[in-house]
């Protein structure tokens, strides 16, 4: 029976170890890519929801609040608050995931 010499055995072990490292790197890259894809999808869903909430907030501030305050204020104060509230810009709600 022919025994491989020590140098050949060490070289085979080194090649095997390097191959296992490459496999591990590829597995980690695949896991990171999959997780990144899931996070991007969740971020897009969240951004859509935040845009809807920003619209609702602006709508509430520009129409419902002035209507609620209409009977409580009179004269210049009523005009000023009505003007101020109707000019409220839509809030900029950004997804922290993206």
PDB file of N, CA and C in Angstrom:
ATOM      1  N   UNK A   1       0.837  -1.176   0.000  1.00  0.00           N
ATOM      2  CA  UNK A   1       0.000   0.000   0.000  1.00  0.00           C
ATOM      3  C   UNK A   1       0.887   1.247   0.000  1.00  0.00           C
ATOM      4  N   UNK A   2       0.512   2.193  -0.831  1.00  0.00           N
ATOM      5  CA  UNK A   2       1.316   3.402  -0.953  1.00  0.00           C
ATOM      6  C   UNK A   2       0.715   4.471  -0.055  1.00  0.00           C
ATOM      7  N   UNK A   3       1.534   4.978   0.817  1.00  0.00           N
ATOM      8  CA  UNK A   3       1.126   6.060   1.726  1.00  0.00           C
ATOM      9  C   UNK A   3       1.511   7.394   1.097  1.00  0.00           C
ATOM     10  N   UNK A   4       0.570   8.365   1.085  1.00  0.00           N
ATOM     11  CA  UNK A   4       0.949   9.686   0.580  1.00  0.00           C
ATOM     12  C   UNK A   4       1.947  10.337   1.536  1.00  0.00           C
ATOM     13  N   UNK A   5       2.856  11.069   0.982  1.00  0.00           N
ATOM     14  CA  UNK A   5       3.836  11.698   1.864  1.00  0.00           C
ATOM     15  C   UNK A   5       3.189  12.845   2.634  1.00  0.00           C
ATOM     16  N   UNK A   6       3.867  13.305   3.617  1.00  0.00           N
ATOM     17  CA  UNK A   6       3.340  14.319   4.522  1.00  0.00           C
ATOM     18  C   UNK A   6       3.013  15.613   3.793  1.00  0.00           C
ATOM     19  N   UNK A   7       3.844  16.005   2.856  1.00  0.00           N
ATOM     20  CA  UNK A   7       3.604  17.249   2.119  1.00  0.00           C
ATOM     21  C   UNK A   7       2.314  17.168   1.304  1.00  0.00           C
ATOM     22  N   UNK A   8       2.076  16.031   0.658  1.00  0.00           N
ATOM     23  CA  UNK A   8       0.848  15.868  -0.122  1.00  0.00           C
ATOM     24  C   UNK A   8      -0.379  15.892   0.781  1.00  0.00           C
ATOM     25  N   UNK A   9      -0.263  15.243   1.920  1.00  0.00           N
ATOM     26  CA  UNK A   9      -1.380  15.219   2.866  1.00  0.00           C
ATOM     27  C   UNK A   9      -1.676  16.626   3.382  1.00  0.00           C
ATOM     28  N   UNK A  10      -0.650  17.385   3.714  1.00  0.00           N
ATOM     29  CA  UNK A  10      -0.838  18.758   4.187  1.00  0.00           C
ATOM     30  C   UNK A  10      -1.442  19.641   3.091  1.00  0.00           C
ATOM     31  N   UNK A  11      -0.993  19.437   1.854  1.00  0.00           N
ATOM     32  CA  UNK A  11      -1.537  20.212   0.738  1.00  0.00           C
ATOM     33  C   UNK A  11      -3.010  19.872   0.517  1.00  0.00           C
ATOM     34  N   UNK A  12      -3.361  18.603   0.619  1.00  0.00           N
ATOM     35  CA  UNK A  12      -4.759  18.191   0.473  1.00  0.00           C
ATOM     36  C   UNK A  12      -5.614  18.793   1.591  1.00  0.00           C
ATOM     37  N   UNK A  13      -5.095  18.803   2.798  1.00  0.00           N
ATOM     38  CA  UNK A  13      -5.813  19.408   3.936  1.00  0.00           C
ATOM     39  C   UNK A  13      -6.002  20.899   3.726  1.00  0.00           C
ATOM     40  N   UNK A  14      -4.963  21.568   3.230  1.00  0.00           N
ATOM     41  CA  UNK A  14      -5.048  23.004   2.976  1.00  0.00           C
ATOM     42  C   UNK A  14      -6.097  23.295   1.901  1.00  0.00           C
ATOM     43  N   UNK A  15      -6.110  22.501   0.840  1.00  0.00           N
ATOM     44  CA  UNK A  15      -7.095  22.688  -0.230  1.00  0.00           C
ATOM     45  C   UNK A  15      -8.504  22.450   0.302  1.00  0.00           C
ATOM     46  N   UNK A  16      -8.662  21.418   1.108  1.00  0.00           N
ATOM     47  CA  UNK A  16      -9.975  21.118   1.696  1.00  0.00           C
ATOM     48  C   UNK A  16     -10.439  22.271   2.582  1.00  0.00           C
ATOM     49  N   UNK A  17      -9.541  22.799   3.408  1.00  0.00           N
ATOM     50  CA  UNK A  17      -9.879  23.913   4.297  1.00  0.00           C
ATOM     51  C   UNK A  17     -10.263  25.149   3.491  1.00  0.00           C
ATOM     52  N   UNK A  18      -9.512  25.431   2.444  1.00  0.00           N
ATOM     53  CA  UNK A  18      -9.810  26.593   1.599  1.00  0.00           C
ATOM     54  C   UNK A  18     -11.163  26.423   0.906  1.00  0.00           C
ATOM     55  N   UNK A  19     -11.460  25.217   0.445  1.00  0.00           N
ATOM     56  CA  UNK A  19     -12.741  24.932  -0.193  1.00  0.00           C
ATOM     57  C   UNK A  19     -13.891  25.142   0.795  1.00  0.00           C
ATOM     58  N   UNK A  20     -13.713  24.709   2.027  1.00  0.00           N
ATOM     59  CA  UNK A  20     -14.748  24.887   3.052  1.00  0.00           C
ATOM     60  C   UNK A  20     -14.950  26.368   3.364  1.00  0.00           C
ATOM     61  N   UNK A  21     -13.867  27.136   3.372  1.00  0.00           N
ATOM     62  CA  UNK A  21     -13.977  28.577   3.605  1.00  0.00           C
ATOM     63  C   UNK A  21     -14.769  29.250   2.484  1.00  0.00           C
ATOM     64  N   UNK A  22     -14.509  28.841   1.248  1.00  0.00           N
ATOM     65  CA  UNK A  22     -15.235  29.401   0.105  1.00  0.00           C
ATOM     66  C   UNK A  22     -16.716  29.077   0.222  1.00  0.00           C
ATOM     67  N   UNK A  23     -17.034  27.833   0.586  1.00  0.00           N
ATOM     68  CA  UNK A  23     -18.435  27.447   0.768  1.00  0.00           C
ATOM     69  C   UNK A  23     -19.096  28.280   1.862  1.00  0.00           C
ATOM     70  N   UNK A  24     -18.380  28.506   2.946  1.00  0.00           N
ATOM     71  CA  UNK A  24     -18.928  29.295   4.053  1.00  0.00           C
ATOM     72  C   UNK A  24     -19.162  30.745   3.625  1.00  0.00           C
ATOM     73  N   UNK A  25     -18.233  31.324   2.880  1.00  0.00           N
ATOM     74  CA  UNK A  25     -18.409  32.698   2.392  1.00  0.00           C
ATOM     75  C   UNK A  25     -19.638  32.805   1.491  1.00  0.00           C
ATOM     76  N   UNK A  26     -19.804  31.819   0.609  1.00  0.00           N
ATOM     77  CA  UNK A  26     -20.963  31.828  -0.287  1.00  0.00           C
ATOM     78  C   UNK A  26     -22.267  31.695   0.490  1.00  0.00           C
ATOM     79  N   UNK A  27     -22.275  30.856   1.511  1.00  0.00           N
ATOM     80  CA  UNK A  27     -23.484  30.697   2.329  1.00  0.00           C
ATOM     81  C   UNK A  27     -23.808  31.999   3.059  1.00  0.00           C
ATOM     82  N   UNK A  28     -22.798  32.664   3.579  1.00  0.00           N
ATOM     83  CA  UNK A  28     -23.009  33.937   4.283  1.00  0.00           C
ATOM     84  C   UNK A  28     -23.508  34.999   3.310  1.00  0.00           C
ATOM     85  N   UNK A  29     -22.918  35.070   2.116  1.00  0.00           N
ATOM     86  CA  UNK A  29     -23.370  36.043   1.116  1.00  0.00           C
ATOM     87  C   UNK A  29     -24.821  35.796   0.720  1.00  0.00           C
ATOM     88  N   UNK A  30     -25.205  34.531   0.576  1.00  0.00           N
ATOM     89  CA  UNK A  30     -26.595  34.210   0.228  1.00  0.00           C
ATOM     90  C   UNK A  30     -27.541  34.629   1.344  1.00  0.00           C
ATOM     91  N   UNK A  31     -27.142  34.394   2.583  1.00  0.00           N
ATOM     92  CA  UNK A  31     -27.967  34.780   3.729  1.00  0.00           C
ATOM     93  C   UNK A  31     -28.118  36.299   3.806  1.00  0.00           C
ATOM     94  N   UNK A  32     -27.034  37.021   3.597  1.00  0.00           N
ATOM     95  CA  UNK A  32     -27.081  38.484   3.629  1.00  0.00           C
ATOM     96  C   UNK A  32     -27.969  39.012   2.498  1.00  0.00           C
ATOM     97  N   UNK A  33     -27.842  38.445   1.314  1.00  0.00           N
ATOM     98  CA  UNK A  33     -28.669  38.886   0.179  1.00  0.00           C
ATOM     99  C   UNK A  33     -30.149  38.635   0.436  1.00  0.00           C
ATOM    100  N   UNK A  34     -30.470  37.469   0.979  1.00  0.00           N
ATOM    101  CA  UNK A  34     -31.872  37.154   1.265  1.00  0.00           C
ATOM    102  C   UNK A  34     -32.436  38.098   2.318  1.00  0.00           C
ATOM    103  N   UNK A  35     -31.668  38.350   3.365  1.00  0.00           N
ATOM    104  CA  UNK A  35     -32.113  39.248   4.430  1.00  0.00           C
ATOM    105  C   UNK A  35     -32.276  40.665   3.900  1.00  0.00           C
ATOM    106  N   UNK A  36     -31.350  41.099   3.059  1.00  0.00           N
ATOM    107  CA  UNK A  36     -31.433  42.437   2.478  1.00  0.00           C
ATOM    108  C   UNK A  36     -32.692  42.575   1.624  1.00  0.00           C
ATOM    109  N   UNK A  37     -33.026  41.547   0.860  1.00  0.00           N
ATOM    110  CA  UNK A  37     -34.237  41.571   0.043  1.00  0.00           C
ATOM    111  C   UNK A  37     -35.490  41.689   0.888  1.00  0.00           C
ATOM    112  N   UNK A  38     -35.535  40.942   1.987  1.00  0.00           N
ATOM    113  CA  UNK A  38     -36.692  41.003   2.891  1.00  0.00           C
ATOM    114  C   UNK A  38     -36.808  42.396   3.498  1.00  0.00           C
ATOM    115  N   UNK A  39     -35.687  42.956   3.930  1.00  0.00           N
ATOM    116  CA  UNK A  39     -35.710  44.294   4.533  1.00  0.00           C
ATOM    117  C   UNK A  39     -36.129  45.362   3.523  1.00  0.00           C
ATOM    118  N   UNK A  40     -35.681  45.249   2.291  1.00  0.00           N
ATOM    119  CA  UNK A  40     -36.073  46.225   1.269  1.00  0.00           C
ATOM    120  C   UNK A  40     -37.575  46.141   0.998  1.00  0.00           C
ATOM    121  N   UNK A  41     -38.116  44.928   0.973  1.00  0.00           N
ATOM    122  CA  UNK A  41     -39.563  44.766   0.760  1.00  0.00           C
ATOM    123  C   UNK A  41     -40.345  45.360   1.925  1.00  0.00           C
ATOM    124  N   UNK A  42     -39.886  45.094   3.144  1.00  0.00           N
ATOM    125  CA  UNK A  42     -40.556  45.666   4.318  1.00  0.00           C
ATOM    126  C   UNK A  42     -40.447  47.188   4.316  1.00  0.00           C
ATOM    127  N   UNK A  43     -39.295  47.705   3.893  1.00  0.00           N
ATOM    128  CA  UNK A  43     -39.114  49.152   3.815  1.00  0.00           C
ATOM    129  C   UNK A  43     -40.059  49.797   2.818  1.00  0.00           C
ATOM    130  N   UNK A  44     -40.283  49.143   1.686  1.00  0.00           N
ATOM    131  CA  UNK A  44     -41.205  49.685   0.681  1.00  0.00           C
ATOM    132  C   UNK A  44     -42.638  49.689   1.209  1.00  0.00           C
ATOM    133  N   UNK A  45     -43.020  48.613   1.897  1.00  0.00           N
ATOM    134  CA  UNK A  45     -44.364  48.548   2.487  1.00  0.00           C
ATOM    135  C   UNK A  45     -44.519  49.644   3.537  1.00  0.00           C
ATOM    136  N   UNK A  46     -43.498  49.805   4.367  1.00  0.00           N
ATOM    137  CA  UNK A  46     -43.547  50.829   5.408  1.00  0.00           C
ATOM    138  C   UNK A  46     -43.621  52.226   4.801  1.00  0.00           C
ATOM    139  N   UNK A  47     -42.874  52.479   3.732  1.00  0.00           N
ATOM    140  CA  UNK A  47     -42.889  53.804   3.105  1.00  0.00           C
ATOM    141  C   UNK A  47     -44.268  54.124   2.543  1.00  0.00           C
ATOM    142  N   UNK A  48     -44.936  53.133   1.960  1.00  0.00           N
ATOM    143  CA  UNK A  48     -46.301  53.334   1.456  1.00  0.00           C
ATOM    144  C   UNK A  48     -47.237  53.681   2.601  1.00  0.00           C
ATOM    145  N   UNK A  49     -47.108  52.950   3.701  1.00  0.00           N
ATOM    146  CA  UNK A  49     -47.954  53.203   4.870  1.00  0.00           C
ATOM    147  C   UNK A  49     -47.688  54.601   5.435  1.00  0.00           C
ATOM    148  N   UNK A  50     -46.413  54.990   5.510  1.00  0.00           N
ATOM    149  CA  UNK A  50     -46.062  56.314   6.030  1.00  0.00           C
ATOM    150  C   UNK A  50     -46.596  57.428   5.127  1.00  0.00           C
ATOM    151  N   UNK A  51     -46.554  57.241   3.828  1.00  0.00           N
ATOM    152  CA  UNK A  51     -47.098  58.250   2.911  1.00  0.00           C
ATOM    153  C   UNK A  51     -48.600  58.410   3.132  1.00  0.00           C
ATOM    154  N   UNK A  52     -49.292  57.304   3.351  1.00  0.00           N
ATOM    155  CA  UNK A  52     -50.727  57.359   3.628  1.00  0.00           C
ATOM    156  C   UNK A  52     -50.995  58.080   4.953  1.00  0.00           C
ATOM    157  N   UNK A  53     -50.189  57.801   5.962  1.00  0.00           N
ATOM    158  CA  UNK A  53     -50.356  58.457   7.260  1.00  0.00           C
ATOM    159  C   UNK A  53     -50.069  59.958   7.158  1.00  0.00           C
ATOM    160  N   UNK A  54     -49.069  60.335   6.371  1.00  0.00           N
ATOM    161  CA  UNK A  54     -48.757  61.758   6.179  1.00  0.00           C
ATOM    162  C   UNK A  54     -49.935  62.471   5.520  1.00  0.00           C
ATOM    163  N   UNK A  55     -50.552  61.826   4.534  1.00  0.00           N
ATOM    164  CA  UNK A  55     -51.725  62.411   3.878  1.00  0.00           C
ATOM    165  C   UNK A  55     -52.864  62.579   4.882  1.00  0.00           C
ATOM    166  N   UNK A  56     -53.094  61.565   5.705  1.00  0.00           N
ATOM    167  CA  UNK A  56     -54.163  61.645   6.711  1.00  0.00           C
ATOM    168  C   UNK A  56     -53.890  62.760   7.721  1.00  0.00           C
ATOM    169  N   UNK A  57     -52.613  62.908   8.120  1.00  0.00           N
ATOM    170  CA  UNK A  57     -52.260  63.958   9.080  1.00  0.00           C
ATOM    171  C   UNK A  57     -52.519  65.339   8.484  1.00  0.00           C
ATOM    172  N   UNK A  58     -52.108  65.528   7.234  1.00  0.00           N
ATOM    173  CA  UNK A  58     -52.329  66.824   6.591  1.00  0.00           C
ATOM    174  C   UNK A  58     -53.821  67.092   6.434  1.00  0.00           C
ATOM    175  N   UNK A  59     -54.563  66.091   6.032  1.00  0.00           N
ATOM    176  CA  UNK A  59     -56.004  66.240   5.863  1.00  0.00           C
ATOM    177  C   UNK A  59     -56.664  66.607   7.192  1.00  0.00           C
ATOM    178  N   UNK A  60     -56.245  65.962   8.255  1.00  0.00           N
ATOM    179  CA  UNK A  60     -56.797  66.259   9.578  1.00  0.00           C
ATOM    180  C   UNK A  60     -56.483  67.702   9.979  1.00  0.00           C
ATOM    181  N   UNK A  61     -55.217  68.113   9.776  1.00  0.00           N
ATOM    182  CA  UNK A  61     -54.802  69.457  10.192  1.00  0.00           C
ATOM    183  C   UNK A  61     -55.442  70.552   9.348  1.00  0.00           C
ATOM    184  N   UNK A  62     -55.676  70.292   8.069  1.00  0.00           N
ATOM    185  CA  UNK A  62     -56.187  71.350   7.196  1.00  0.00           C
ATOM    186  C   UNK A  62     -57.703  71.408   7.099  1.00  0.00           C
ATOM    187  N   UNK A  63     -58.389  70.338   7.455  1.00  0.00           N
ATOM    188  CA  UNK A  63     -59.851  70.382   7.315  1.00  0.00           C
ATOM    189  C   UNK A  63     -60.593  70.096   8.617  1.00  0.00           C
ATOM    190  N   UNK A  64     -60.225  69.075   9.336  1.00  0.00           N
ATOM    191  CA  UNK A  64     -60.989  68.705  10.524  1.00  0.00           C
ATOM    192  C   UNK A  64     -60.729  69.625  11.711  1.00  0.00           C
ATOM    193  N   UNK A  65     -59.483  70.011  11.920  1.00  0.00           N
ATOM    194  CA  UNK A  65     -59.178  70.900  13.053  1.00  0.00           C
ATOM    195  C   UNK A  65     -59.828  72.273  12.861  1.00  0.00           C
ATOM    196  N   UNK A  66     -59.706  72.923  11.697  1.00  0.00           N
ATOM    197  CA  UNK A  66     -60.393  74.213  11.530  1.00  0.00           C
ATOM    198  C   UNK A  66     -61.910  74.094  11.699  1.00  0.00           C
ATOM    199  N   UNK A  67     -62.486  73.003  11.233  1.00  0.00           N
ATOM    200  CA  UNK A  67     -63.930  72.815  11.386  1.00  0.00           C
ATOM    201  C   UNK A  67     -64.300  72.668  12.856  1.00  0.00           C
ATOM    202  N   UNK A  68     -63.449  72.001  13.630  1.00  0.00           N
ATOM    203  CA  UNK A  68     -63.720  71.831  15.058  1.00  0.00           C
ATOM    204  C   UNK A  68     -63.575  73.140  15.827  1.00  0.00           C
ATOM    205  N   UNK A  69     -62.663  74.004  15.395  1.00  0.00           N
ATOM    206  CA  UNK A  69     -62.423  75.270  16.087  1.00  0.00           C
ATOM    207  C   UNK A  69     -63.349  76.392  15.612  1.00  0.00           C
ATOM    208  N   UNK A  70     -64.125  76.140  14.593  1.00  0.00           N
ATOM    209  CA  UNK A  70     -64.940  77.180  13.972  1.00  0.00           C
ATOM    210  C   UNK A  70     -65.864  77.893  14.963  1.00  0.00           C
ATOM    211  N   UNK A  71     -66.502  77.185  15.831  1.00  0.00           N
ATOM    212  CA  UNK A  71     -67.432  77.819  16.763  1.00  0.00           C
ATOM    213  C   UNK A  71     -66.751  78.450  17.961  1.00  0.00           C
ATOM    214  N   UNK A  72     -65.512  78.068  18.254  1.00  0.00           N
ATOM    215  CA  UNK A  72     -64.829  78.550  19.451  1.00  0.00           C
ATOM    216  C   UNK A  72     -64.096  79.860  19.272  1.00  0.00           C
ATOM    217  N   UNK A  73     -63.757  80.221  18.063  1.00  0.00           N
ATOM    218  CA  UNK A  73     -63.005  81.451  17.816  1.00  0.00           C
ATOM    219  C   UNK A  73     -63.802  82.364  16.886  1.00  0.00           C
ATOM    220  N   UNK A  74     -63.616  83.646  17.080  1.00  0.00           N
ATOM    221  CA  UNK A  74     -64.319  84.616  16.234  1.00  0.00           C
ATOM    222  C   UNK A  74     -63.361  85.696  15.764  1.00  0.00           C
ATOM    223  N   UNK A  75     -63.752  86.388  14.735  1.00  0.00           N
ATOM    224  CA  UNK A  75     -62.999  87.549  14.257  1.00  0.00           C
ATOM    225  C   UNK A  75     -61.653  87.193  13.673  1.00  0.00           C
ATOM    226  N   UNK A  76     -60.675  88.052  13.999  1.00  0.00           N
ATOM    227  CA  UNK A  76     -59.320  87.909  13.467  1.00  0.00           C
ATOM    228  C   UNK A  76     -58.639  86.631  13.928  1.00  0.00           C
ATOM    229  N   UNK A  77     -58.911  86.214  15.162  1.00  0.00           N
ATOM    230  CA  UNK A  77     -58.302  84.982  15.673  1.00  0.00           C
ATOM    231  C   UNK A  77     -58.772  83.783  14.860  1.00  0.00           C
ATOM    232  N   UNK A  78     -60.054  83.738  14.557  1.00  0.00           N
ATOM    233  CA  UNK A  78     -60.603  82.634  13.763  1.00  0.00           C
ATOM    234  C   UNK A  78     -60.002  82.633  12.361  1.00  0.00           C
ATOM    235  N   UNK A  79     -59.878  83.824  11.767  1.00  0.00           N
ATOM    236  CA  UNK A  79     -59.300  83.916  10.426  1.00  0.00           C
ATOM    237  C   UNK A  79     -57.832  83.490  10.426  1.00  0.00           C
ATOM    238  N   UNK A  80     -57.086  83.938  11.442  1.00  0.00           N
ATOM    239  CA  UNK A  80     -55.658  83.622  11.521  1.00  0.00           C
ATOM    240  C   UNK A  80     -55.434  82.123  11.703  1.00  0.00           C
ATOM    241  N   UNK A  81     -56.166  81.505  12.626  1.00  0.00           N
ATOM    242  CA  UNK A  81     -55.971  80.073  12.861  1.00  0.00           C
ATOM    243  C   UNK A  81     -56.427  79.266  11.658  1.00  0.00           C
ATOM    244  N   UNK A  82     -57.497  79.703  11.011  1.00  0.00           N
ATOM    245  CA  UNK A  82     -57.984  79.007   9.820  1.00  0.00           C
ATOM    246  C   UNK A  82     -56.952  79.086   8.695  1.00  0.00           C
ATOM    247  N   UNK A  83     -56.360  80.272   8.506  1.00  0.00           N
ATOM    248  CA  UNK A  83     -55.344  80.445   7.466  1.00  0.00           C
ATOM    249  C   UNK A  83     -54.106  79.610   7.783  1.00  0.00           C
ATOM    250  N   UNK A  84     -53.687  79.640   9.039  1.00  0.00           N
ATOM    251  CA  UNK A  84     -52.503  78.883   9.448  1.00  0.00           C
ATOM    252  C   UNK A  84     -52.707  77.388   9.247  1.00  0.00           C
ATOM    253  N   UNK A  85     -53.855  76.896   9.668  1.00  0.00           N
ATOM    254  CA  UNK A  85     -54.096  75.458   9.575  1.00  0.00           C
ATOM    255  C   UNK A  85     -54.312  74.974   8.146  1.00  0.00           C
ATOM    256  N   UNK A  86     -54.855  75.800   7.296  1.00  0.00           N
ATOM    257  CA  UNK A  86     -55.056  75.364   5.908  1.00  0.00           C
ATOM    258  C   UNK A  86     -53.758  75.360   5.114  1.00  0.00           C
ATOM    259  N   UNK A  87     -52.714  76.001   5.641  1.00  0.00           N
ATOM    260  CA  UNK A  87     -51.418  76.031   4.960  1.00  0.00           C
ATOM    261  C   UNK A  87     -50.424  75.019   5.521  1.00  0.00           C
ATOM    262  N   UNK A  88     -50.880  74.134   6.375  1.00  0.00           N
ATOM    263  CA  UNK A  88     -49.981  73.134   6.961  1.00  0.00           C
ATOM    264  C   UNK A  88     -49.500  72.196   5.849  1.00  0.00           C
ATOM    265  N   UNK A  89     -48.175  72.064   5.691  1.00  0.00           N
ATOM    266  CA  UNK A  89     -47.673  71.171   4.638  1.00  0.00           C
ATOM    267  C   UNK A  89     -47.803  69.699   5.059  1.00  0.00           C
ATOM    268  N   UNK A  90     -47.753  68.841   4.077  1.00  0.00           N
ATOM    269  CA  UNK A  90     -47.779  67.407   4.379  1.00  0.00           C
ATOM    270  C   UNK A  90     -46.453  67.035   5.036  1.00  0.00           C
ATOM    271  N   UNK A  91     -46.489  66.308   6.155  1.00  0.00           N
ATOM    272  CA  UNK A  91     -45.236  65.944   6.823  1.00  0.00           C
ATOM    273  C   UNK A  91     -44.406  64.988   5.965  1.00  0.00           C
ATOM    274  N   UNK A  92     -43.110  65.071   6.135  1.00  0.00           N
ATOM    275  CA  UNK A  92     -42.197  64.194   5.405  1.00  0.00           C
ATOM    276  C   UNK A  92     -41.839  63.027   6.315  1.00  0.00           C
ATOM    277  N   UNK A  93     -42.533  61.930   6.159  1.00  0.00           N
ATOM    278  CA  UNK A  93     -42.277  60.742   6.964  1.00  0.00           C
ATOM    279  C   UNK A  93     -41.480  59.758   6.120  1.00  0.00           C
ATOM    280  N   UNK A  94     -40.240  59.531   6.520  1.00  0.00           N
ATOM    281  CA  UNK A  94     -39.370  58.634   5.760  1.00  0.00           C
ATOM    282  C   UNK A  94     -39.163  57.337   6.516  1.00  0.00           C
ATOM    283  N   UNK A  95     -39.110  56.261   5.775  1.00  0.00           N
ATOM    284  CA  UNK A  95     -38.894  54.948   6.370  1.00  0.00           C
ATOM    285  C   UNK A  95     -37.463  54.850   6.899  1.00  0.00           C
ATOM    286  N   UNK A  96     -37.290  54.429   8.142  1.00  0.00           N
ATOM    287  CA  UNK A  96     -35.936  54.271   8.668  1.00  0.00           C
ATOM    288  C   UNK A  96     -35.239  53.034   8.106  1.00  0.00           C
ATOM    289  N   UNK A  97     -35.990  52.156   7.448  1.00  0.00           N
ATOM    290  CA  UNK A  97     -35.411  50.927   6.908  1.00  0.00           C
ATOM    291  C   UNK A  97     -34.646  51.199   5.623  1.00  0.00           C
ATOM    292  N   UNK A  98     -35.153  52.074   4.793  1.00  0.00           N
ATOM    293  CA  UNK A  98     -34.503  52.354   3.520  1.00  0.00           C
ATOM    294  C   UNK A  98     -33.312  53.169   3.761  1.00  0.00           C
TER     295      UNK A  98
END
